[in-house]
Amino acid sequence: MVVSAIYASLNPAIESFKDFWPSGIFAFIAAVLLLPDTSSAQRFQLGLLLLLGIVLLVIGLGRGAELDASGLLSQNTGLLGMLMTVGLLKLIITRNPGAKDAEIDKLPVGRKAYLHTLLSVTLFGSVINISAPILISDRLTLNRPMDYFTARSIVCAFSACSAWSPFFAGMAVVLTAVGDVNLFHIMATGLPLTISFVAVLYFSAVWLSPKKVDAFHGYPMRMESFLVPVLLAVMVFASNLFFPDISILTHIALSATTLTIVLLLIRHGARYTIQRLVDYVRTDLAKTVNELQLFISAGVLASGLQAMVQSGSISAPVSEFNSTTASALLAVIIVIAALGIHPVIQIAALTPLLLVANPDPELLGITYLFGWCLGTCGSPLSGTNLVMQGRFGIVAWRGAVQNWPFIAFMYCIAIVLLHLHG
């Protein structure tokens, strides 16, 4: 699926990822083969989305809509390919498996250590996604249990990444769903929200929980840690400058793969590099099953809704999409996410309806990114909160609820940014 998605982007005869049906077929086969690795709750959610999407598709086709067979399964293969190749970066940004850390008892303590931890989660999370909070949390809990204050700080700092990062799933969804947007304009609008996240997190913690901050054992931040994020950003921006007609998702996928292989070869040689890549394909790649199945089912739901819109069965809920409408939509996404519906599903359902109103695609895209950022932070079923529960014993609903006051404050800042953009 990854290789065929990249091929579809590089082939000038193929207009977009969803126009190349083999990538969708490969994705569907992989999703079916990996069903034994999914939980009962995940299967129920997937089945519900697929059933609803198919029912809407059948109704829309019966009322005159045209079937986009290629797009049915291939809508999100581009962003899936990007997510899976970005996962390779953890091979060069993490320590060797089983390595001993002689300095684990010398973790920095205090306010500076707390700030460095927030910055590390946000910086590395912007590049290697969910691997970053897991790796940093593992380091912090090697000789002490995870507490709710630390979990809240890590989850909120990581959620901030999705407001601006071109390497994040949220950005990939926006670029796929909305389409005609300037990536750098969206990044420039989202970055202030990310910075605000970290700043508010730090100063509110210092003000409201000074004892916890002063006793906080933080993640050590070193200059060499910046190497991979900086190199990747340079590669992506340079390749996009020279080959602007290629999708940014493909630039990211190829840059991440190339950077990983080159650095592994330089550091460890060919034999080790081949073994690590083989291990990644055999084990780590299959661990993306939740994202794979969720995005496929969301794509089917989107196809069903598109068919309903095309047949005239559903009309746009708004006649004009402006900053005020965007603020209201953002609130809706956050509340629904808090009830357990992931933003990616909401985006798949809302986009076909909103595009009828001819919205400013960048304003819509930024609203989605802010919704992803704030919604996943406060959702008990978001991947980050579930990881904290399964790996560190932080109850997901309790972890999500403790973030709600912070989300309410950040929503106000997000509204200001939406109106400034508008």
Protein backbone atom coordinates (compact mmCIF):
# COMPACT_ATOMS: atom_id res chain seq x y z
CA MET A 1 0.00 0.00 0.00
CA VAL A 2 2.78 2.42 0.91
CA VAL A 3 4.77 1.77 -2.26
CA SER A 4 1.72 1.99 -4.51
CA ALA A 5 0.58 5.23 -2.85
CA ILE A 6 3.99 6.80 -3.43
CA TYR A 7 3.93 5.57 -7.04
CA ALA A 8 0.51 7.18 -7.55
CA SER A 9 1.88 10.52 -6.37
CA LEU A 10 5.03 10.36 -8.51
CA ASN A 11 3.18 9.31 -11.69
CA PRO A 12 2.06 12.50 -13.50
CA ALA A 13 -0.67 10.54 -15.27
CA ILE A 14 -2.43 9.87 -11.95
CA GLU A 15 -4.18 12.96 -10.59
CA SER A 16 -4.36 11.99 -6.90
CA PHE A 17 -3.94 9.09 -4.47
CA LYS A 18 -7.62 8.16 -4.62
CA ASP A 19 -7.45 7.70 -8.40
CA PHE A 20 -5.11 4.69 -8.05
CA TRP A 21 -7.24 1.71 -6.98
CA PRO A 22 -4.42 -0.83 -6.27
CA SER A 23 -3.27 1.12 -3.20
CA GLY A 24 -6.79 0.92 -1.76
CA ILE A 25 -7.02 -2.81 -2.44
CA PHE A 26 -3.67 -3.43 -0.73
CA ALA A 27 -4.77 -1.32 2.26
CA PHE A 28 -8.05 -3.22 2.54
CA ILE A 29 -6.32 -6.62 2.39
CA ALA A 30 -3.86 -5.55 5.09
CA ALA A 31 -6.70 -4.28 7.27
CA VAL A 32 -8.54 -7.60 6.97
CA LEU A 33 -5.42 -9.66 7.67
CA LEU A 34 -4.75 -7.62 10.81
CA LEU A 35 -8.28 -7.96 12.22
CA PRO A 36 -7.12 -10.51 14.84
CA ASP A 37 -4.92 -7.77 16.31
CA THR A 38 -7.83 -5.38 16.94
CA SER A 39 -10.00 -5.15 20.04
CA SER A 40 -13.73 -5.85 20.14
CA ALA A 41 -14.46 -2.15 20.66
CA GLN A 42 -12.35 -1.27 17.60
CA ARG A 43 -14.15 -3.86 15.48
CA PHE A 44 -17.53 -2.53 16.59
CA GLN A 45 -16.54 1.03 15.68
CA LEU A 46 -15.15 -0.05 12.31
CA GLY A 47 -18.24 -2.12 11.53
CA LEU A 48 -20.54 0.78 12.39
CA LEU A 49 -18.61 3.23 10.19
CA LEU A 50 -18.47 0.79 7.26
CA LEU A 51 -22.15 -0.10 7.55
CA LEU A 52 -23.21 3.54 7.69
CA GLY A 53 -20.94 4.44 4.77
CA ILE A 54 -22.23 1.59 2.61
CA VAL A 55 -25.89 2.39 3.39
CA LEU A 56 -25.39 6.05 2.48
CA LEU A 57 -23.49 5.06 -0.66
CA VAL A 58 -26.27 2.73 -1.82
CA ILE A 59 -28.92 5.40 -1.17
CA GLY A 60 -26.90 8.04 -3.01
CA LEU A 61 -26.26 5.77 -5.99
CA GLY A 62 -29.95 4.90 -6.10
CA ARG A 63 -30.75 8.62 -6.36
CA GLY A 64 -28.44 9.33 -9.24
CA ALA A 65 -24.94 9.77 -7.77
CA GLU A 66 -21.94 8.34 -9.62
CA LEU A 67 -19.73 5.72 -8.01
CA ASP A 68 -16.06 6.65 -7.51
CA ALA A 69 -14.78 3.07 -7.27
CA SER A 70 -11.12 4.01 -6.90
CA GLY A 71 -11.77 6.59 -4.19
CA LEU A 72 -13.88 4.22 -2.10
CA LEU A 73 -10.85 2.53 -0.51
CA SER A 74 -8.00 4.74 -1.72
CA GLN A 75 -9.06 8.14 -0.33
CA ASN A 76 -6.64 8.05 2.59
CA THR A 77 -3.80 5.89 1.28
CA GLY A 78 -1.56 8.93 0.81
CA LEU A 79 -1.76 10.00 4.44
CA LEU A 80 -1.46 6.38 5.62
CA GLY A 81 1.71 5.99 3.58
CA MET A 82 3.10 9.14 5.15
CA LEU A 83 2.25 8.02 8.70
CA MET A 84 3.84 4.61 8.23
CA THR A 85 7.07 5.93 6.73
CA VAL A 86 7.39 8.63 9.38
CA GLY A 87 7.33 5.79 11.90
CA LEU A 88 10.75 4.77 10.58
CA LEU A 89 12.26 7.84 12.23
CA LYS A 90 12.15 6.22 15.64
CA LEU A 91 14.92 3.90 14.43
CA ILE A 92 17.31 6.84 14.36
CA ILE A 93 15.90 9.04 17.10
CA THR A 94 15.77 6.41 19.86
CA ARG A 95 18.38 4.42 21.66
CA ASN A 96 19.13 0.82 20.75
CA PRO A 97 16.65 -1.66 22.26
CA GLY A 98 17.79 -2.88 25.64
CA ALA A 99 20.38 -0.14 26.09
CA LYS A 100 21.19 0.80 29.69
CA ASP A 101 21.02 4.42 30.75
CA ALA A 102 23.63 5.01 33.42
CA GLU A 103 22.23 8.46 34.07
CA ILE A 104 18.65 7.43 34.79
CA ASP A 105 18.99 8.39 38.46
CA LYS A 106 20.37 11.79 37.43
CA LEU A 107 17.31 13.10 35.64
CA PRO A 108 17.12 16.88 35.95
CA VAL A 109 14.66 18.17 38.53
CA GLY A 110 12.70 21.39 38.78
CA ARG A 111 11.07 24.05 36.62
CA LYS A 112 13.70 24.00 33.91
CA ALA A 113 13.41 20.22 33.68
CA TYR A 114 9.62 20.55 33.38
CA LEU A 115 9.92 23.09 30.57
CA HIS A 116 12.47 20.93 28.75
CA THR A 117 10.10 17.96 28.98
CA LEU A 118 7.24 19.94 27.43
CA LEU A 119 9.51 21.20 24.64
CA SER A 120 10.89 17.70 24.00
CA VAL A 121 7.44 16.15 23.72
CA THR A 122 6.27 18.88 21.33
CA LEU A 123 9.45 18.96 19.22
CA PHE A 124 9.88 15.22 18.80
CA GLY A 125 6.14 14.58 18.67
CA SER A 126 5.89 16.97 15.73
CA VAL A 127 8.24 14.67 13.81
CA ILE A 128 7.81 11.09 15.05
CA ASN A 129 4.21 11.36 16.30
CA ILE A 130 2.99 9.03 19.07
CA SER A 131 6.44 7.44 19.46
CA ALA A 132 7.66 10.64 21.16
CA PRO A 133 5.37 10.71 24.23
CA ILE A 134 5.83 6.95 24.65
CA LEU A 135 9.62 7.16 24.57
CA ILE A 136 9.77 10.17 26.88
CA SER A 137 7.24 8.65 29.29
CA ASP A 138 9.21 5.40 29.36
CA ARG A 139 12.31 7.35 30.30
CA LEU A 140 10.56 9.29 33.06
CA THR A 141 8.95 6.18 34.59
CA LEU A 142 11.91 3.80 34.63
CA ASN A 143 12.41 4.38 38.35
CA ARG A 144 9.13 6.02 39.39
CA PRO A 145 5.42 5.54 38.51
CA MET A 146 3.54 7.83 36.18
CA ASP A 147 1.28 10.33 37.97
CA TYR A 148 -1.68 12.29 36.60
CA PHE A 149 0.18 15.60 36.61
CA THR A 150 2.94 14.19 34.39
CA ALA A 151 0.43 12.40 32.16
CA ARG A 152 -1.60 15.59 31.72
CA SER A 153 1.51 17.57 30.82
CA ILE A 154 2.68 15.01 28.24
CA VAL A 155 -0.74 14.48 26.63
CA CYS A 156 -1.42 18.21 26.29
CA ALA A 157 2.08 18.98 24.98
CA PHE A 158 1.80 16.19 22.42
CA SER A 159 -1.68 17.25 21.31
CA ALA A 160 -0.26 20.69 20.54
CA CYS A 161 1.81 19.19 17.70
CA SER A 162 -1.21 18.61 15.48
CA ALA A 163 -1.95 22.35 15.23
CA TRP A 164 1.02 22.95 12.94
CA SER A 165 3.18 19.88 12.20
CA PRO A 166 3.31 18.77 8.53
CA PHE A 167 4.41 15.33 9.78
CA PHE A 168 1.31 14.79 11.90
CA ALA A 169 -1.77 12.74 11.06
CA GLY A 170 -4.04 15.76 11.47
CA MET A 171 -2.23 17.73 8.79
CA ALA A 172 -2.32 14.75 6.45
CA VAL A 173 -6.07 14.43 6.94
CA VAL A 174 -6.59 18.13 6.23
CA LEU A 175 -4.47 18.06 3.08
CA THR A 176 -6.41 15.01 1.89
CA ALA A 177 -9.91 16.22 2.81
CA VAL A 178 -9.73 19.94 2.02
CA GLY A 179 -7.25 19.81 -0.83
CA ASP A 180 -6.48 23.26 -2.22
CA VAL A 181 -4.54 24.79 0.67
CA ASN A 182 -1.14 26.38 1.14
CA LEU A 183 0.71 24.18 3.64
CA PHE A 184 2.95 26.97 4.88
CA HIS A 185 0.02 29.35 5.50
CA ILE A 186 -1.68 26.70 7.63
CA MET A 187 1.54 25.95 9.51
CA ALA A 188 2.08 29.65 10.19
CA THR A 189 -1.42 29.95 11.67
CA GLY A 190 -1.19 26.76 13.70
CA LEU A 191 2.26 27.34 15.16
CA PRO A 192 1.10 30.17 17.48
CA LEU A 193 -1.48 27.78 19.01
CA THR A 194 1.25 25.19 19.59
CA ILE A 195 3.49 27.78 21.24
CA SER A 196 0.53 28.98 23.32
CA PHE A 197 -0.14 25.39 24.41
CA VAL A 198 3.36 24.99 25.82
CA ALA A 199 3.44 28.45 27.37
CA VAL A 200 0.05 28.08 29.08
CA LEU A 201 0.93 24.57 30.24
CA TYR A 202 4.16 25.75 31.82
CA PHE A 203 2.96 28.95 33.48
CA SER A 204 -0.32 27.46 34.70
CA ALA A 205 1.59 24.56 36.25
CA VAL A 206 4.08 26.90 37.92
CA TRP A 207 1.20 29.02 39.23
CA LEU A 208 -1.29 26.30 40.25
CA SER A 209 1.04 23.40 41.12
CA PRO A 210 4.40 24.92 42.13
CA LYS A 211 5.38 22.04 44.42
CA LYS A 212 4.81 19.46 41.70
CA VAL A 213 6.82 21.49 39.19
CA ASP A 214 9.71 22.03 41.61
CA ALA A 215 9.86 18.27 42.31
CA PHE A 216 9.36 17.26 38.66
CA HIS A 217 11.89 14.79 37.24
CA GLY A 218 12.20 15.87 33.61
CA TYR A 219 13.51 14.67 30.29
CA PRO A 220 17.08 15.79 29.50
CA MET A 221 17.15 17.94 26.35
CA ARG A 222 20.43 17.94 24.41
CA MET A 223 21.54 19.76 21.28
CA GLU A 224 22.16 16.53 19.35
CA SER A 225 18.47 15.72 19.79
CA PHE A 226 17.65 18.44 17.26
CA LEU A 227 19.60 16.76 14.44
CA VAL A 228 16.86 14.52 13.03
CA PRO A 229 13.96 17.05 13.20
CA VAL A 230 16.07 19.77 11.56
CA LEU A 231 17.42 17.48 8.81
CA LEU A 232 13.95 16.16 8.03
CA ALA A 233 12.44 19.63 7.83
CA VAL A 234 15.22 20.82 5.51
CA MET A 235 14.80 17.78 3.25
CA VAL A 236 11.02 18.18 3.02
CA PHE A 237 11.08 21.90 2.32
CA ALA A 238 13.93 21.57 -0.21
CA SER A 239 12.28 18.73 -2.11
CA ASN A 240 8.98 20.61 -2.15
CA LEU A 241 10.78 23.67 -3.53
CA PHE A 242 12.33 21.73 -6.42
CA PHE A 243 9.34 19.44 -7.10
CA PRO A 244 6.23 21.47 -6.19
CA ASP A 245 3.87 19.30 -8.25
CA ILE A 246 4.42 16.28 -6.00
CA SER A 247 2.15 15.90 -2.96
CA ILE A 248 3.63 17.12 0.32
CA LEU A 249 2.65 13.76 1.82
CA THR A 250 5.00 12.04 -0.62
CA HIS A 251 7.80 14.53 0.09
CA ILE A 252 7.51 13.67 3.77
CA ALA A 253 7.33 9.91 3.16
CA LEU A 254 10.37 9.83 0.87
CA SER A 255 12.39 12.23 3.05
CA ALA A 256 11.70 10.23 6.22
CA THR A 257 12.64 6.95 4.52
CA THR A 258 15.79 8.36 2.92
CA LEU A 259 16.97 10.08 6.11
CA THR A 260 16.43 6.93 8.18
CA ILE A 261 18.34 4.68 5.79
CA VAL A 262 21.23 7.12 5.33
CA LEU A 263 21.74 7.74 9.05
CA LEU A 264 21.47 4.04 9.89
CA LEU A 265 24.09 3.24 7.24
CA ILE A 266 26.43 5.95 8.54
CA ARG A 267 26.04 4.96 12.16
CA HIS A 268 25.81 1.16 12.01
CA GLY A 269 26.59 -0.14 8.52
CA ALA A 270 24.62 -2.07 5.92
CA ARG A 271 24.01 -5.31 7.83
CA TYR A 272 22.48 -3.61 10.86
CA THR A 273 20.45 -1.27 8.64
CA ILE A 274 18.88 -4.13 6.70
CA GLN A 275 18.04 -6.01 9.89
CA ARG A 276 16.40 -2.97 11.51
CA LEU A 277 14.33 -2.26 8.39
CA VAL A 278 13.21 -5.89 8.21
CA ASP A 279 12.26 -5.81 11.90
CA TYR A 280 10.29 -2.62 11.33
CA VAL A 281 8.29 -4.18 8.49
CA ARG A 282 7.64 -7.39 10.43
CA THR A 283 6.61 -5.84 13.74
CA ASP A 284 6.26 -2.05 13.91
CA LEU A 285 4.45 -1.61 10.60
CA ALA A 286 1.69 -3.97 11.72
CA LYS A 287 1.21 -1.91 14.89
CA THR A 288 -0.31 0.85 12.76
CA VAL A 289 -3.37 -1.37 12.31
CA ASN A 290 -5.65 0.99 14.27
CA GLU A 291 -4.84 3.95 12.03
CA LEU A 292 -5.06 1.77 8.91
CA GLN A 293 -8.51 0.41 9.71
CA LEU A 294 -9.86 3.71 11.04
CA PHE A 295 -8.84 5.70 7.96
CA ILE A 296 -10.19 3.06 5.57
CA SER A 297 -13.57 2.99 7.31
CA ALA A 298 -13.61 6.80 7.49
CA GLY A 299 -12.92 6.87 3.75
CA VAL A 300 -15.92 4.62 3.07
CA LEU A 301 -18.10 6.86 5.24
CA ALA A 302 -16.85 9.92 3.36
CA SER A 303 -17.66 8.24 0.03
CA GLY A 304 -21.20 7.55 1.24
CA LEU A 305 -21.70 11.14 2.33
CA GLN A 306 -20.26 12.44 -0.94
CA ALA A 307 -22.75 10.30 -2.83
CA MET A 308 -25.61 11.70 -0.75
CA VAL A 309 -24.47 15.27 -1.38
CA GLN A 310 -24.01 14.59 -5.10
CA SER A 311 -27.52 13.18 -5.37
CA GLY A 312 -28.98 16.21 -3.58
CA SER A 313 -30.15 14.16 -0.60
CA ILE A 314 -28.09 16.21 1.87
CA SER A 315 -27.46 19.95 1.74
CA ALA A 316 -24.87 22.11 3.46
CA PRO A 317 -25.71 22.95 7.12
CA VAL A 318 -24.43 26.52 6.58
CA SER A 319 -24.71 28.96 3.70
CA GLU A 320 -21.53 30.84 4.56
CA PHE A 321 -18.36 29.66 6.28
CA ASN A 322 -16.62 32.52 8.10
CA SER A 323 -14.63 32.95 11.31
CA THR A 324 -17.78 32.84 13.45
CA THR A 325 -18.96 29.66 11.76
CA ALA A 326 -15.47 28.20 12.15
CA SER A 327 -15.51 28.96 15.89
CA ALA A 328 -18.87 27.22 16.29
CA LEU A 329 -17.65 24.23 14.25
CA LEU A 330 -14.53 24.01 16.43
CA ALA A 331 -16.69 23.87 19.57
CA VAL A 332 -18.80 21.10 18.05
CA ILE A 333 -15.73 19.03 17.12
CA ILE A 334 -14.28 19.39 20.65
CA VAL A 335 -17.53 18.40 22.39
CA ILE A 336 -18.16 15.42 20.12
CA ALA A 337 -14.53 14.30 20.53
CA ALA A 338 -14.97 14.48 24.33
CA LEU A 339 -17.89 12.06 23.92
CA GLY A 340 -15.58 9.58 22.18
CA ILE A 341 -15.92 10.28 18.43
CA HIS A 342 -12.44 10.81 16.97
CA PRO A 343 -11.92 14.03 14.93
CA VAL A 344 -10.92 12.02 11.85
CA ILE A 345 -14.42 10.53 11.74
CA GLN A 346 -15.98 13.95 12.20
CA ILE A 347 -13.84 15.42 9.43
CA ALA A 348 -14.84 12.59 7.08
CA ALA A 349 -18.50 13.21 7.85
CA LEU A 350 -18.46 17.03 7.81
CA THR A 351 -16.26 17.78 4.79
CA PRO A 352 -18.67 16.69 2.03
CA LEU A 353 -21.39 18.81 3.65
CA LEU A 354 -19.28 21.92 4.22
CA LEU A 355 -17.58 21.96 0.81
CA VAL A 356 -20.97 22.64 -0.78
CA ALA A 357 -20.87 26.10 0.87
CA ASN A 358 -17.56 26.87 -0.91
CA PRO A 359 -15.63 27.72 2.28
CA ASP A 360 -12.17 29.23 2.36
CA PRO A 361 -10.22 25.95 2.30
CA GLU A 362 -7.44 27.28 4.54
CA LEU A 363 -9.90 28.49 7.19
CA LEU A 364 -11.66 25.13 7.10
CA GLY A 365 -8.35 23.30 7.27
CA ILE A 366 -7.15 25.34 10.25
CA THR A 367 -10.46 24.72 12.03
CA TYR A 368 -10.01 20.99 11.53
CA LEU A 369 -6.43 21.12 12.83
CA PHE A 370 -7.48 23.06 15.92
CA GLY A 371 -10.33 20.61 16.43
CA TRP A 372 -7.91 17.68 16.16
CA CYS A 373 -5.52 19.38 18.57
CA LEU A 374 -8.09 20.22 21.25
CA GLY A 375 -10.41 17.27 20.63
CA THR A 376 -7.83 14.49 21.00
CA CYS A 377 -6.49 16.16 24.13
CA GLY A 378 -9.87 15.85 25.87
CA SER A 379 -11.13 12.60 24.37
CA PRO A 380 -11.03 9.46 26.56
CA LEU A 381 -10.81 7.36 23.38
CA SER A 382 -7.95 9.26 21.70
CA GLY A 383 -4.84 7.24 20.98
CA THR A 384 -2.69 9.29 23.38
CA ASN A 385 -5.00 8.86 26.37
CA LEU A 386 -5.45 5.16 25.62
CA VAL A 387 -1.66 4.71 25.46
CA MET A 388 -1.36 6.39 28.86
CA GLN A 389 -3.94 3.97 30.23
CA GLY A 390 -2.60 0.78 28.70
CA ARG A 391 1.08 1.48 29.23
CA PHE A 392 1.22 3.58 32.39
CA GLY A 393 -2.02 2.89 34.26
CA ILE A 394 -3.52 6.37 33.81
CA VAL A 395 -7.30 5.86 33.52
CA ALA A 396 -8.24 7.30 30.12
CA TRP A 397 -11.50 9.02 31.11
CA ARG A 398 -9.95 10.56 34.21
CA GLY A 399 -6.91 11.71 32.24
CA ALA A 400 -9.15 13.27 29.59
CA VAL A 401 -11.47 15.01 32.06
CA GLN A 402 -8.57 16.67 33.91
CA ASN A 403 -7.62 18.33 30.60
CA TRP A 404 -11.03 19.94 30.01
CA PRO A 405 -10.41 23.23 31.89
CA PHE A 406 -7.15 23.66 29.97
CA ILE A 407 -8.95 22.92 26.68
CA ALA A 408 -11.63 25.52 27.47
CA PHE A 409 -8.96 28.18 27.96
CA MET A 410 -7.09 27.16 24.81
CA TYR A 411 -10.35 27.23 22.84
CA CYS A 412 -10.52 30.98 23.51
CA ILE A 413 -7.02 31.43 22.09
CA ALA A 414 -7.95 29.29 19.08
CA ILE A 415 -10.98 31.51 18.39
CA VAL A 416 -8.74 34.57 18.35
CA LEU A 417 -6.40 32.90 15.83
CA LEU A 418 -9.35 31.87 13.63
CA HIS A 419 -10.66 35.43 13.54
CA LEU A 420 -7.20 36.83 12.85
CA HIS A 421 -6.87 34.46 9.90
CA GLY A 422 -10.38 35.25 8.71
